Amino acid sequence: DLLAAARAKALELAGSGTRRQARDLDRQLQPGDREAFEQAAAEAL
């Protein structure tokens, strides 16, 4: 049931005591990520 599942998820998030925002997320970049991105961007272009 979508409404029940959404309500449960909302309560779970509210009870966690933290407010998540995109600006606070750890990028968690790995070695080679920049090179992989540049290659994918070059292929797309």
Full PDB file with SEQRES, HELIX, SHEET, SSBOND, CRYST1, ORIGX, SCALE, CONECT and MASTER records, all heavy atoms in Angstrom:
SEQRES   1 A   45  ASP LEU LEU ALA ALA ALA ARG ALA LYS ALA LEU GLU LEU          
SEQRES   2 A   45  ALA GLY SER GLY THR ARG ARG GLN ALA ARG ASP LEU ASP          
SEQRES   3 A   45  ARG GLN LEU GLN PRO GLY ASP ARG GLU ALA PHE GLU GLN          
SEQRES   4 A   45  ALA ALA ALA GLU ALA LEU                                      
HELIX    1 AA1 LEU A    2  ALA A   14  1                                  13    
HELIX    2 AA2 ALA A   22  ASP A   24  5                                   3    
HELIX    3 AA3 ASP A   33  ALA A   44  1                                  12    
CRYST1    1.000    1.000    1.000  90.00  90.00  90.00 P 1           1          
ORIGX1      1.000000  0.000000  0.000000        0.00000                         
ORIGX2      0.000000  1.000000  0.000000        0.00000                         
ORIGX3      0.000000  0.000000  1.000000        0.00000                         
SCALE1      1.000000  0.000000  0.000000        0.00000                         
SCALE2      0.000000  1.000000  0.000000        0.00000                         
SCALE3      0.000000  0.000000  1.000000        0.00000                         
ATOM      1  N   ASP A   1       0.831  -1.186   0.000  1.00  0.00           N  
ATOM      2  CA  ASP A   1       0.000   0.000   0.000  1.00  0.00           C  
ATOM      3  C   ASP A   1       0.877   1.251   0.000  1.00  0.00           C  
ATOM      4  O   ASP A   1       1.664   1.477   0.926  1.00  0.00           O  
ATOM      5  CB  ASP A   1      -0.904  -0.002   1.230  1.00  0.00           C  
ATOM      6  CG  ASP A   1      -1.787   1.235   1.261  1.00  0.00           C  
ATOM      7  OD1 ASP A   1      -2.813   1.233   0.547  1.00  0.00           O  
ATOM      8  OD2 ASP A   1      -1.429   2.182   1.973  1.00  0.00           O  
ATOM      9  N   LEU A   2       0.750   2.066  -1.044  1.00  0.00           N  
ATOM     10  CA  LEU A   2       1.671   3.186  -1.242  1.00  0.00           C  
ATOM     11  C   LEU A   2       1.549   4.218  -0.130  1.00  0.00           C  
ATOM     12  O   LEU A   2       2.552   4.692   0.419  1.00  0.00           O  
ATOM     13  CB  LEU A   2       1.408   3.834  -2.608  1.00  0.00           C  
ATOM     14  CG  LEU A   2       2.292   5.030  -2.963  1.00  0.00           C  
ATOM     15  CD1 LEU A   2       3.765   4.640  -2.982  1.00  0.00           C  
ATOM     16  CD2 LEU A   2       1.904   5.610  -4.318  1.00  0.00           C  
ATOM     17  N   LEU A   3       0.315   4.577   0.235  1.00  0.00           N  
ATOM     18  CA  LEU A   3       0.121   5.620   1.246  1.00  0.00           C  
ATOM     19  C   LEU A   3       0.674   5.179   2.604  1.00  0.00           C  
ATOM     20  O   LEU A   3       1.367   5.941   3.280  1.00  0.00           O  
ATOM     21  CB  LEU A   3      -1.372   5.960   1.364  1.00  0.00           C  
ATOM     22  CG  LEU A   3      -1.713   7.171   2.237  1.00  0.00           C  
ATOM     23  CD1 LEU A   3      -1.032   8.425   1.708  1.00  0.00           C  
ATOM     24  CD2 LEU A   3      -3.224   7.377   2.277  1.00  0.00           C  
ATOM     25  N   ALA A   4       0.413   3.935   2.974  1.00  0.00           N  
ATOM     26  CA  ALA A   4       0.909   3.427   4.261  1.00  0.00           C  
ATOM     27  C   ALA A   4       2.435   3.382   4.267  1.00  0.00           C  
ATOM     28  O   ALA A   4       3.081   3.749   5.262  1.00  0.00           O  
ATOM     29  CB  ALA A   4       0.329   2.047   4.526  1.00  0.00           C  
ATOM     30  N   ALA A   5       3.035   2.941   3.132  1.00  0.00           N  
ATOM     31  CA  ALA A   5       4.495   2.852   3.059  1.00  0.00           C  
ATOM     32  C   ALA A   5       5.120   4.239   3.117  1.00  0.00           C  
ATOM     33  O   ALA A   5       6.155   4.447   3.769  1.00  0.00           O  
ATOM     34  CB  ALA A   5       4.908   2.131   1.776  1.00  0.00           C  
ATOM     35  N   ALA A   6       4.497   5.206   2.426  1.00  0.00           N  
ATOM     36  CA  ALA A   6       5.021   6.574   2.429  1.00  0.00           C  
ATOM     37  C   ALA A   6       4.934   7.184   3.827  1.00  0.00           C  
ATOM     38  O   ALA A   6       5.862   7.872   4.285  1.00  0.00           O  
ATOM     39  CB  ALA A   6       4.251   7.424   1.426  1.00  0.00           C  
ATOM     40  N   ARG A   7       3.844   6.918   4.526  1.00  0.00           N  
ATOM     41  CA  ARG A   7       3.671   7.443   5.887  1.00  0.00           C  
ATOM     42  C   ARG A   7       4.743   6.853   6.821  1.00  0.00           C  
ATOM     43  O   ARG A   7       5.368   7.566   7.606  1.00  0.00           O  
ATOM     44  CB  ARG A   7       2.270   7.093   6.393  1.00  0.00           C  
ATOM     45  CG  ARG A   7       1.958   7.608   7.792  1.00  0.00           C  
ATOM     46  CD  ARG A   7       0.508   7.292   8.150  1.00  0.00           C  
ATOM     47  NE  ARG A   7       0.168   7.845   9.464  1.00  0.00           N  
ATOM     48  CZ  ARG A   7       0.385   7.216  10.611  1.00  0.00           C  
ATOM     49  NH1 ARG A   7       0.956   6.007  10.601  1.00  0.00           N  
ATOM     50  NH2 ARG A   7       0.056   7.777  11.765  1.00  0.00           N  
ATOM     51  N   ALA A   8       4.966   5.547   6.700  1.00  0.00           N  
ATOM     52  CA  ALA A   8       5.968   4.894   7.537  1.00  0.00           C  
ATOM     53  C   ALA A   8       7.360   5.453   7.264  1.00  0.00           C  
ATOM     54  O   ALA A   8       8.146   5.698   8.192  1.00  0.00           O  
ATOM     55  CB  ALA A   8       5.945   3.384   7.297  1.00  0.00           C  
ATOM     56  N   LYS A   9       7.675   5.695   5.977  1.00  0.00           N  
ATOM     57  CA  LYS A   9       8.984   6.231   5.609  1.00  0.00           C  
ATOM     58  C   LYS A   9       9.143   7.656   6.134  1.00  0.00           C  
ATOM     59  O   LYS A   9      10.217   8.030   6.639  1.00  0.00           O  
ATOM     60  CB  LYS A   9       9.167   6.181   4.091  1.00  0.00           C  
ATOM     61  CG  LYS A   9      10.503   6.712   3.598  1.00  0.00           C  
ATOM     62  CD  LYS A   9      11.659   5.999   4.270  1.00  0.00           C  
ATOM     63  CE  LYS A   9      12.338   5.019   3.415  1.00  0.00           C  
ATOM     64  NZ  LYS A   9      13.534   4.420   4.027  1.00  0.00           N  
ATOM     65  N   ALA A  10       8.083   8.457   6.038  1.00  0.00           N  
ATOM     66  CA  ALA A  10       8.136   9.841   6.533  1.00  0.00           C  
ATOM     67  C   ALA A  10       8.387   9.869   8.040  1.00  0.00           C  
ATOM     68  O   ALA A  10       9.204  10.658   8.538  1.00  0.00           O  
ATOM     69  CB  ALA A  10       6.845  10.567   6.184  1.00  0.00           C  
ATOM     70  N   LEU A  11       7.696   8.992   8.772  1.00  0.00           N  
ATOM     71  CA  LEU A  11       7.891   8.935  10.230  1.00  0.00           C  
ATOM     72  C   LEU A  11       9.303   8.463  10.576  1.00  0.00           C  
ATOM     73  O   LEU A  11       9.935   8.946  11.518  1.00  0.00           O  
ATOM     74  CB  LEU A  11       6.851   8.011  10.858  1.00  0.00           C  
ATOM     75  CG  LEU A  11       5.403   8.544  10.841  1.00  0.00           C  
ATOM     76  CD1 LEU A  11       4.434   7.448  11.279  1.00  0.00           C  
ATOM     77  CD2 LEU A  11       5.262   9.770  11.736  1.00  0.00           C  
ATOM     78  N   GLU A  12       9.796   7.512   9.805  1.00  0.00           N  
ATOM     79  CA  GLU A  12      11.164   7.024  10.017  1.00  0.00           C  
ATOM     80  C   GLU A  12      12.191   8.142   9.831  1.00  0.00           C  
ATOM     81  O   GLU A  12      13.096   8.322  10.656  1.00  0.00           O  
ATOM     82  CB  GLU A  12      11.450   5.874   9.063  1.00  0.00           C  
ATOM     83  CG  GLU A  12      12.885   5.362   9.096  1.00  0.00           C  
ATOM     84  CD  GLU A  12      13.193   4.470   7.907  1.00  0.00           C  
ATOM     85  OE1 GLU A  12      12.276   3.767   7.420  1.00  0.00           O  
ATOM     86  OE2 GLU A  12      14.355   4.485   7.443  1.00  0.00           O  
ATOM     87  N   LEU A  13      12.025   8.904   8.768  1.00  0.00           N  
ATOM     88  CA  LEU A  13      12.958   9.998   8.502  1.00  0.00           C  
ATOM     89  C   LEU A  13      12.842  11.095   9.561  1.00  0.00           C  
ATOM     90  O   LEU A  13      13.849  11.646  10.019  1.00  0.00           O  
ATOM     91  CB  LEU A  13      12.701  10.579   7.104  1.00  0.00           C  
ATOM     92  CG  LEU A  13      13.022   9.650   5.921  1.00  0.00           C  
ATOM     93  CD1 LEU A  13      12.531  10.266   4.611  1.00  0.00           C  
ATOM     94  CD2 LEU A  13      14.513   9.365   5.839  1.00  0.00           C  
ATOM     95  N   ALA A  14      11.597  11.396   9.944  1.00  0.00           N  
ATOM     96  CA  ALA A  14      11.394  12.441  10.953  1.00  0.00           C  
ATOM     97  C   ALA A  14      11.988  12.032  12.297  1.00  0.00           C  
ATOM     98  O   ALA A  14      12.512  12.872  13.054  1.00  0.00           O  
ATOM     99  CB  ALA A  14       9.910  12.741  11.094  1.00  0.00           C  
ATOM    100  N   GLY A  15      11.938  10.750  12.607  1.00  0.00           N  
ATOM    101  CA  GLY A  15      12.446  10.273  13.889  1.00  0.00           C  
ATOM    102  C   GLY A  15      13.948  10.111  13.935  1.00  0.00           C  
ATOM    103  O   GLY A  15      14.514   9.825  14.991  1.00  0.00           O  
ATOM    104  N   SER A  16      14.603  10.279  12.793  1.00  0.00           N  
ATOM    105  CA  SER A  16      16.056  10.086  12.771  1.00  0.00           C  
ATOM    106  C   SER A  16      16.806  11.242  13.411  1.00  0.00           C  
ATOM    107  O   SER A  16      17.985  11.115  13.750  1.00  0.00           O  
ATOM    108  CB  SER A  16      16.529   9.910  11.326  1.00  0.00           C  
ATOM    109  OG  SER A  16      16.335  11.118  10.591  1.00  0.00           O  
ATOM    110  N   GLY A  17      16.139  12.408  13.539  1.00  0.00           N  
ATOM    111  CA  GLY A  17      16.760  13.544  14.193  1.00  0.00           C  
ATOM    112  C   GLY A  17      17.730  14.318  13.325  1.00  0.00           C  
ATOM    113  O   GLY A  17      18.358  15.270  13.789  1.00  0.00           O  
ATOM    114  N   THR A  18      17.877  13.933  12.060  1.00  0.00           N  
ATOM    115  CA  THR A  18      18.777  14.668  11.148  1.00  0.00           C  
ATOM    116  C   THR A  18      18.003  15.131   9.937  1.00  0.00           C  
ATOM    117  O   THR A  18      17.093  14.443   9.464  1.00  0.00           O  
ATOM    118  CB  THR A  18      19.949  13.784  10.685  1.00  0.00           C  
ATOM    119  OG1 THR A  18      19.430  12.634  10.018  1.00  0.00           O  
ATOM    120  CG2 THR A  18      20.808  13.350  11.868  1.00  0.00           C  
ATOM    121  N   ARG A  19      18.374  16.293   9.469  1.00  0.00           N  
ATOM    122  CA  ARG A  19      17.760  16.832   8.250  1.00  0.00           C  
ATOM    123  C   ARG A  19      18.758  16.689   7.110  1.00  0.00           C  
ATOM    124  O   ARG A  19      19.856  17.241   7.178  1.00  0.00           O  
ATOM    125  CB  ARG A  19      17.397  18.302   8.451  1.00  0.00           C  
ATOM    126  CG  ARG A  19      16.714  18.921   7.239  1.00  0.00           C  
ATOM    127  CD  ARG A  19      16.408  20.384   7.483  1.00  0.00           C  
ATOM    128  NE  ARG A  19      15.785  20.980   6.315  1.00  0.00           N  
ATOM    129  CZ  ARG A  19      15.597  22.288   6.169  1.00  0.00           C  
ATOM    130  NH1 ARG A  19      15.976  23.116   7.125  1.00  0.00           N  
ATOM    131  NH2 ARG A  19      15.014  22.759   5.081  1.00  0.00           N  
ATOM    132  N   ARG A  20      18.386  15.930   6.114  1.00  0.00           N  
ATOM    133  CA  ARG A  20      19.309  15.672   5.012  1.00  0.00           C  
ATOM    134  C   ARG A  20      19.134  16.722   3.921  1.00  0.00           C  
ATOM    135  O   ARG A  20      18.021  17.017   3.501  1.00  0.00           O  
ATOM    136  CB  ARG A  20      19.053  14.283   4.424  1.00  0.00           C  
ATOM    137  CG  ARG A  20      19.260  13.158   5.439  1.00  0.00           C  
ATOM    138  CD  ARG A  20      19.038  11.812   4.787  1.00  0.00           C  
ATOM    139  NE  ARG A  20      17.722  11.747   4.141  1.00  0.00           N  
ATOM    140  CZ  ARG A  20      17.375  10.841   3.238  1.00  0.00           C  
ATOM    141  NH1 ARG A  20      18.250   9.944   2.846  1.00  0.00           N  
ATOM    142  NH2 ARG A  20      16.172  10.832   2.728  1.00  0.00           N  
ATOM    143  N   GLN A  21      20.247  17.272   3.484  1.00  0.00           N  
ATOM    144  CA  GLN A  21      20.222  18.216   2.362  1.00  0.00           C  
ATOM    145  C   GLN A  21      21.333  17.823   1.392  1.00  0.00           C  
ATOM    146  O   GLN A  21      22.401  17.355   1.816  1.00  0.00           O  
ATOM    147  CB  GLN A  21      20.451  19.648   2.843  1.00  0.00           C  
ATOM    148  CG  GLN A  21      19.374  20.159   3.789  1.00  0.00           C  
ATOM    149  CD  GLN A  21      19.569  21.621   4.102  1.00  0.00           C  
ATOM    150  OE1 GLN A  21      19.236  22.472   3.286  1.00  0.00           O  
ATOM    151  NE2 GLN A  21      20.102  21.914   5.274  1.00  0.00           N  
ATOM    152  N   ALA A  22      21.081  18.057   0.155  1.00  0.00           N  
ATOM    153  CA  ALA A  22      22.062  17.686  -0.860  1.00  0.00           C  
ATOM    154  C   ALA A  22      23.407  18.360  -0.599  1.00  0.00           C  
ATOM    155  O   ALA A  22      24.471  17.767  -0.789  1.00  0.00           O  
ATOM    156  CB  ALA A  22      21.544  18.056  -2.253  1.00  0.00           C  
ATOM    157  N   ARG A  23      23.377  19.601  -0.131  1.00  0.00           N  
ATOM    158  CA  ARG A  23      24.627  20.339   0.054  1.00  0.00           C  
ATOM    159  C   ARG A  23      25.498  19.731   1.158  1.00  0.00           C  
ATOM    160  O   ARG A  23      26.690  19.986   1.245  1.00  0.00           O  
ATOM    161  CB  ARG A  23      24.315  21.807   0.369  1.00  0.00           C  
ATOM    162  CG  ARG A  23      23.781  22.066   1.759  1.00  0.00           C  
ATOM    163  CD  ARG A  23      23.316  23.502   1.925  1.00  0.00           C  
ATOM    164  NE  ARG A  23      22.110  23.764   1.141  1.00  0.00           N  
ATOM    165  CZ  ARG A  23      21.985  24.789   0.288  1.00  0.00           C  
ATOM    166  NH1 ARG A  23      22.968  25.630   0.119  1.00  0.00           N  
ATOM    167  NH2 ARG A  23      20.879  24.965  -0.382  1.00  0.00           N  
ATOM    168  N   ASP A  24      24.897  18.914   2.027  1.00  0.00           N  
ATOM    169  CA  ASP A  24      25.641  18.338   3.146  1.00  0.00           C  
ATOM    170  C   ASP A  24      26.187  16.940   2.831  1.00  0.00           C  
ATOM    171  O   ASP A  24      26.932  16.380   3.624  1.00  0.00           O  
ATOM    172  CB  ASP A  24      24.736  18.244   4.379  1.00  0.00           C  
ATOM    173  CG  ASP A  24      24.243  19.619   4.834  1.00  0.00           C  
ATOM    174  OD1 ASP A  24      25.004  20.583   4.685  1.00  0.00           O  
ATOM    175  OD2 ASP A  24      23.107  19.697   5.329  1.00  0.00           O  
ATOM    176  N   LEU A  25      25.778  16.367   1.700  1.00  0.00           N  
ATOM    177  CA  LEU A  25      26.178  14.999   1.401  1.00  0.00           C  
ATOM    178  C   LEU A  25      27.663  14.926   1.074  1.00  0.00           C  
ATOM    179  O   LEU A  25      28.211  15.788   0.380  1.00  0.00           O  
ATOM    180  CB  LEU A  25      25.376  14.447   0.214  1.00  0.00           C  
ATOM    181  CG  LEU A  25      23.878  14.257   0.458  1.00  0.00           C  
ATOM    182  CD1 LEU A  25      23.202  13.766  -0.806  1.00  0.00           C  
ATOM    183  CD2 LEU A  25      23.628  13.268   1.592  1.00  0.00           C  
ATOM    184  N   ASP A  26      28.310  13.886   1.554  1.00  0.00           N  
ATOM    185  CA  ASP A  26      29.717  13.653   1.240  1.00  0.00           C  
ATOM    186  C   ASP A  26      29.794  13.160  -0.204  1.00  0.00           C  
ATOM    187  O   ASP A  26      29.138  12.189  -0.591  1.00  0.00           O  
ATOM    188  CB  ASP A  26      30.270  12.597   2.201  1.00  0.00           C  
ATOM    189  CG  ASP A  26      31.755  12.325   1.971  1.00  0.00           C  
ATOM    190  OD1 ASP A  26      32.316  12.921   1.030  1.00  0.00           O  
ATOM    191  OD2 ASP A  26      32.328  11.525   2.707  1.00  0.00           O  
ATOM    192  N   ARG A  27      30.602  13.838  -1.012  1.00  0.00           N  
ATOM    193  CA  ARG A  27      30.688  13.436  -2.421  1.00  0.00           C  
ATOM    194  C   ARG A  27      31.294  12.037  -2.568  1.00  0.00           C  
ATOM    195  O   ARG A  27      31.035  11.346  -3.543  1.00  0.00           O  
ATOM    196  CB  ARG A  27      31.556  14.442  -3.190  1.00  0.00           C  
ATOM    197  CG  ARG A  27      30.900  15.806  -3.363  1.00  0.00           C  
ATOM    198  CD  ARG A  27      31.842  16.712  -4.119  1.00  0.00           C  
ATOM    199  NE  ARG A  27      31.260  18.041  -4.280  1.00  0.00           N  
ATOM    200  CZ  ARG A  27      31.981  19.140  -4.388  1.00  0.00           C  
ATOM    201  NH1 ARG A  27      33.300  19.076  -4.336  1.00  0.00           N  
ATOM    202  NH2 ARG A  27      31.409  20.310  -4.553  1.00  0.00           N  
ATOM    203  N   GLN A  28      32.143  11.660  -1.666  1.00  0.00           N  
ATOM    204  CA  GLN A  28      32.752  10.333  -1.694  1.00  0.00           C  
ATOM    205  C   GLN A  28      33.408  10.035  -3.041  1.00  0.00           C  
ATOM    206  O   GLN A  28      33.209   8.983  -3.648  1.00  0.00           O  
ATOM    207  CB  GLN A  28      31.709   9.251  -1.372  1.00  0.00           C  
ATOM    208  CG  GLN A  28      31.139   9.379   0.037  1.00  0.00           C  
ATOM    209  CD  GLN A  28      30.115   8.311   0.347  1.00  0.00           C  
ATOM    210  OE1 GLN A  28      29.403   7.875  -0.535  1.00  0.00           O  
ATOM    211  NE2 GLN A  28      30.052   7.902   1.604  1.00  0.00           N  
ATOM    212  N   LEU A  29      34.179  11.007  -3.533  1.00  0.00           N  
ATOM    213  CA  LEU A  29      34.874  10.806  -4.805  1.00  0.00           C  
ATOM    214  C   LEU A  29      35.992   9.791  -4.637  1.00  0.00           C  
ATOM    215  O   LEU A  29      36.680   9.762  -3.615  1.00  0.00           O  
ATOM    216  CB  LEU A  29      35.447  12.129  -5.300  1.00  0.00           C  
ATOM    217  CG  LEU A  29      34.411  13.178  -5.721  1.00  0.00           C  
ATOM    218  CD1 LEU A  29      35.105  14.485  -6.083  1.00  0.00           C  
ATOM    219  CD2 LEU A  29      33.597  12.676  -6.894  1.00  0.00           C  
ATOM    220  N   GLN A  30      36.153   8.965  -5.644  1.00  0.00           N  
ATOM    221  CA  GLN A  30      37.187   7.940  -5.642  1.00  0.00           C  
ATOM    222  C   GLN A  30      38.280   8.309  -6.640  1.00  0.00           C  
ATOM    223  O   GLN A  30      38.043   9.067  -7.588  1.00  0.00           O  
ATOM    224  CB  GLN A  30      36.579   6.583  -6.026  1.00  0.00           C  
ATOM    225  CG  GLN A  30      35.424   6.144  -5.147  1.00  0.00           C  
ATOM    226  CD  GLN A  30      35.837   5.945  -3.705  1.00  0.00           C  
ATOM    227  OE1 GLN A  30      36.929   5.426  -3.435  1.00  0.00           O  
ATOM    228  NE2 GLN A  30      34.997   6.371  -2.770  1.00  0.00           N  
ATOM    229  N   PRO A  31      39.480   7.784  -6.453  1.00  0.00           N  
ATOM    230  CA  PRO A  31      40.535   8.028  -7.447  1.00  0.00           C  
ATOM    231  C   PRO A  31      40.073   7.576  -8.831  1.00  0.00           C  
ATOM    232  O   PRO A  31      39.520   6.487  -8.990  1.00  0.00           O  
ATOM    233  CB  PRO A  31      41.696   7.160  -6.933  1.00  0.00           C  
ATOM    234  CG  PRO A  31      41.442   7.007  -5.474  1.00  0.00           C  
ATOM    235  CD  PRO A  31      39.948   6.979  -5.306  1.00  0.00           C  
ATOM    236  N   GLY A  32      40.282   8.406  -9.804  1.00  0.00           N  
ATOM    237  CA  GLY A  32      39.887   8.083 -11.177  1.00  0.00           C  
ATOM    238  C   GLY A  32      38.507   8.578 -11.557  1.00  0.00           C  
ATOM    239  O   GLY A  32      38.120   8.508 -12.730  1.00  0.00           O  
ATOM    240  N   ASP A  33      37.725   9.087 -10.585  1.00  0.00           N  
ATOM    241  CA  ASP A  33      36.375   9.567 -10.911  1.00  0.00           C  
ATOM    242  C   ASP A  33      36.420  10.711 -11.916  1.00  0.00           C  
ATOM    243  O   ASP A  33      35.612  10.758 -12.854  1.00  0.00           O  
ATOM    244  CB  ASP A  33      35.650  10.029  -9.641  1.00  0.00           C  
ATOM    245  CG  ASP A  33      35.078   8.862  -8.844  1.00  0.00           C  
ATOM    246  OD1 ASP A  33      35.195   7.721  -9.324  1.00  0.00           O  
ATOM    247  OD2 ASP A  33      34.530   9.090  -7.753  1.00  0.00           O  
ATOM    248  N   ARG A  34      37.352  11.649 -11.709  1.00  0.00           N  
ATOM    249  CA  ARG A  34      37.420  12.806 -12.612  1.00  0.00           C  
ATOM    250  C   ARG A  34      37.783  12.356 -14.031  1.00  0.00           C  
ATOM    251  O   ARG A  34      37.189  12.815 -14.998  1.00  0.00           O  
ATOM    252  CB  ARG A  34      38.461  13.814 -12.083  1.00  0.00           C  
ATOM    253  CG  ARG A  34      38.654  15.065 -12.972  1.00  0.00           C  
ATOM    254  CD  ARG A  34      37.410  15.936 -12.975  1.00  0.00           C  
ATOM    255  NE  ARG A  34      37.539  17.076 -13.851  1.00  0.00           N  
ATOM    256  CZ  ARG A  34      37.964  18.296 -13.460  1.00  0.00           C  
ATOM    257  NH1 ARG A  34      38.315  18.508 -12.199  1.00  0.00           N  
ATOM    258  NH2 ARG A  34      38.042  19.285 -14.317  1.00  0.00           N  
ATOM    259  N   GLU A  35      38.733  11.450 -14.123  1.00  0.00           N  
ATOM    260  CA  GLU A  35      39.140  10.956 -15.444  1.00  0.00           C  
ATOM    261  C   GLU A  35      37.986  10.221 -16.129  1.00  0.00           C  
ATOM    262  O   GLU A  35      37.753  10.379 -17.336  1.00  0.00           O  
ATOM    263  CB  GLU A  35      40.351  10.027 -15.306  1.00  0.00           C  
ATOM    264  CG  GLU A  35      41.639  10.709 -14.894  1.00  0.00           C  
ATOM    265  CD  GLU A  35      41.689  11.041 -13.410  1.00  0.00           C  
ATOM    266  OE1 GLU A  35      40.783  10.584 -12.651  1.00  0.00           O  
ATOM    267  OE2 GLU A  35      42.624  11.761 -13.006  1.00  0.00           O  
ATOM    268  N   ALA A  36      37.261   9.422 -15.349  1.00  0.00           N  
ATOM    269  CA  ALA A  36      36.117   8.691 -15.921  1.00  0.00           C  
ATOM    270  C   ALA A  36      35.044   9.654 -16.404  1.00  0.00           C  
ATOM    271  O   ALA A  36      34.429   9.455 -17.476  1.00  0.00           O  
ATOM    272  CB  ALA A  36      35.537   7.733 -14.882  1.00  0.00           C  
ATOM    273  N   PHE A  37      34.806  10.712 -15.611  1.00  0.00           N  
ATOM    274  CA  PHE A  37      33.829  11.711 -16.029  1.00  0.00           C  
ATOM    275  C   PHE A  37      34.252  12.378 -17.326  1.00  0.00           C  
ATOM    276  O   PHE A  37      33.449  12.534 -18.261  1.00  0.00           O  
ATOM    277  CB  PHE A  37      33.632  12.784 -14.951  1.00  0.00           C  
ATOM    278  CG  PHE A  37      33.045  14.056 -15.493  1.00  0.00           C  
ATOM    279  CD1 PHE A  37      31.704  14.126 -15.829  1.00  0.00           C  
ATOM    280  CD2 PHE A  37      33.846  15.168 -15.735  1.00  0.00           C  
ATOM    281  CE1 PHE A  37      31.166  15.284 -16.385  1.00  0.00           C  
ATOM    282  CE2 PHE A  37      33.324  16.320 -16.276  1.00  0.00           C  
ATOM    283  CZ  PHE A  37      31.975  16.383 -16.602  1.00  0.00           C  
ATOM    284  N   GLU A  38      35.510  12.819 -17.400  1.00  0.00           N  
ATOM    285  CA  GLU A  38      35.978  13.541 -18.594  1.00  0.00           C  
ATOM    286  C   GLU A  38      35.873  12.665 -19.838  1.00  0.00           C  
ATOM    287  O   GLU A  38      35.531  13.140 -20.924  1.00  0.00           O  
ATOM    288  CB  GLU A  38      37.415  14.020 -18.392  1.00  0.00           C  
ATOM    289  CG  GLU A  38      37.586  15.085 -17.313  1.00  0.00           C  
ATOM    290  CD  GLU A  38      36.873  16.404 -17.643  1.00  0.00           C  
ATOM    291  OE1 GLU A  38      36.395  16.570 -18.778  1.00  0.00           O  
ATOM    292  OE2 GLU A  38      36.785  17.258 -16.740  1.00  0.00           O  
ATOM    293  N   GLN A  39      36.137  11.381 -19.681  1.00  0.00           N  
ATOM    294  CA  GLN A  39      36.014  10.464 -20.821  1.00  0.00           C  
ATOM    295  C   GLN A  39      34.557  10.340 -21.265  1.00  0.00           C  
ATOM    296  O   GLN A  39      34.244  10.413 -22.463  1.00  0.00           O  
ATOM    297  CB  GLN A  39      36.567   9.086 -20.461  1.00  0.00           C  
ATOM    298  CG  GLN A  39      36.481   8.080 -21.619  1.00  0.00           C  
ATOM    299  CD  GLN A  39      37.022   6.712 -21.226  1.00  0.00           C  
ATOM    300  OE1 GLN A  39      37.692   6.560 -20.209  1.00  0.00           O  
ATOM    301  NE2 GLN A  39      36.725   5.712 -22.033  1.00  0.00           N  
ATOM    302  N   ALA A  40      33.650  10.178 -20.288  1.00  0.00           N  
ATOM    303  CA  ALA A  40      32.223  10.067 -20.621  1.00  0.00           C  
ATOM    304  C   ALA A  40      31.710  11.355 -21.253  1.00  0.00           C  
ATOM    305  O   ALA A  40      30.926  11.319 -22.214  1.00  0.00           O  
ATOM    306  CB  ALA A  40      31.422   9.745 -19.358  1.00  0.00           C  
ATOM    307  N   ALA A  41      32.163  12.502 -20.742  1.00  0.00           N  
ATOM    308  CA  ALA A  41      31.726  13.784 -21.293  1.00  0.00           C  
ATOM    309  C   ALA A  41      32.226  13.957 -22.719  1.00  0.00           C  
ATOM    310  O   ALA A  41      31.492  14.413 -23.607  1.00  0.00           O  
ATOM    311  CB  ALA A  41      32.226  14.924 -20.404  1.00  0.00           C  
ATOM    312  N   ALA A  42      33.478  13.578 -22.970  1.00  0.00           N  
ATOM    313  CA  ALA A  42      34.042  13.705 -24.313  1.00  0.00           C  
ATOM    314  C   ALA A  42      33.285  12.835 -25.312  1.00  0.00           C  
ATOM    315  O   ALA A  42      32.998  13.253 -26.447  1.00  0.00           O  
ATOM    316  CB  ALA A  42      35.526  13.333 -24.300  1.00  0.00           C  
ATOM    317  N   GLU A  43      32.918  11.616 -24.892  1.00  0.00           N  
ATOM    318  CA  GLU A  43      32.167  10.713 -25.777  1.00  0.00           C  
ATOM    319  C   GLU A  43      30.781  11.269 -26.075  1.00  0.00           C  
ATOM    320  O   GLU A  43      30.299  11.207 -27.220  1.00  0.00           O  
ATOM    321  CB  GLU A  43      32.069   9.330 -25.134  1.00  0.00           C  
ATOM    322  CG  GLU A  43      33.398   8.593 -25.077  1.00  0.00           C  
ATOM    323  CD  GLU A  43      33.317   7.312 -24.265  1.00  0.00           C  
ATOM    324  OE1 GLU A  43      32.228   7.042 -23.697  1.00  0.00           O  
ATOM    325  OE2 GLU A  43      34.327   6.583 -24.202  1.00  0.00           O  
ATOM    326  N   ALA A  44      30.125  11.817 -25.055  1.00  0.00           N  
ATOM    327  CA  ALA A  44      28.789  12.390 -25.252  1.00  0.00           C  
ATOM    328  C   ALA A  44      28.839  13.593 -26.181  1.00  0.00           C  
ATOM    329  O   ALA A  44      27.972  13.770 -27.046  1.00  0.00           O  
ATOM    330  CB  ALA A  44      28.183  12.783 -23.904  1.00  0.00           C  
ATOM    331  N   LEU A  45      29.869  14.434 -26.028  1.00  0.00           N  
ATOM    332  CA  LEU A  45      30.016  15.613 -26.878  1.00  0.00           C  
ATOM    333  C   LEU A  45      30.324  15.212 -28.321  1.00  0.00           C  
ATOM    334  O   LEU A  45      29.854  15.843 -29.267  1.00  0.00           O  
ATOM    335  CB  LEU A  45      31.113  16.523 -26.334  1.00  0.00           C  
ATOM    336  CG  LEU A  45      30.751  17.281 -25.051  1.00  0.00           C  
ATOM    337  CD1 LEU A  45      32.004  17.833 -24.388  1.00  0.00           C  
ATOM    338  CD2 LEU A  45      29.772  18.412 -25.361  1.00  0.00           C  
TER     339      LEU A  45                                                      
MASTER        0    0    0    3    0    0    0    6  338    1    0    4          
END                                                                             
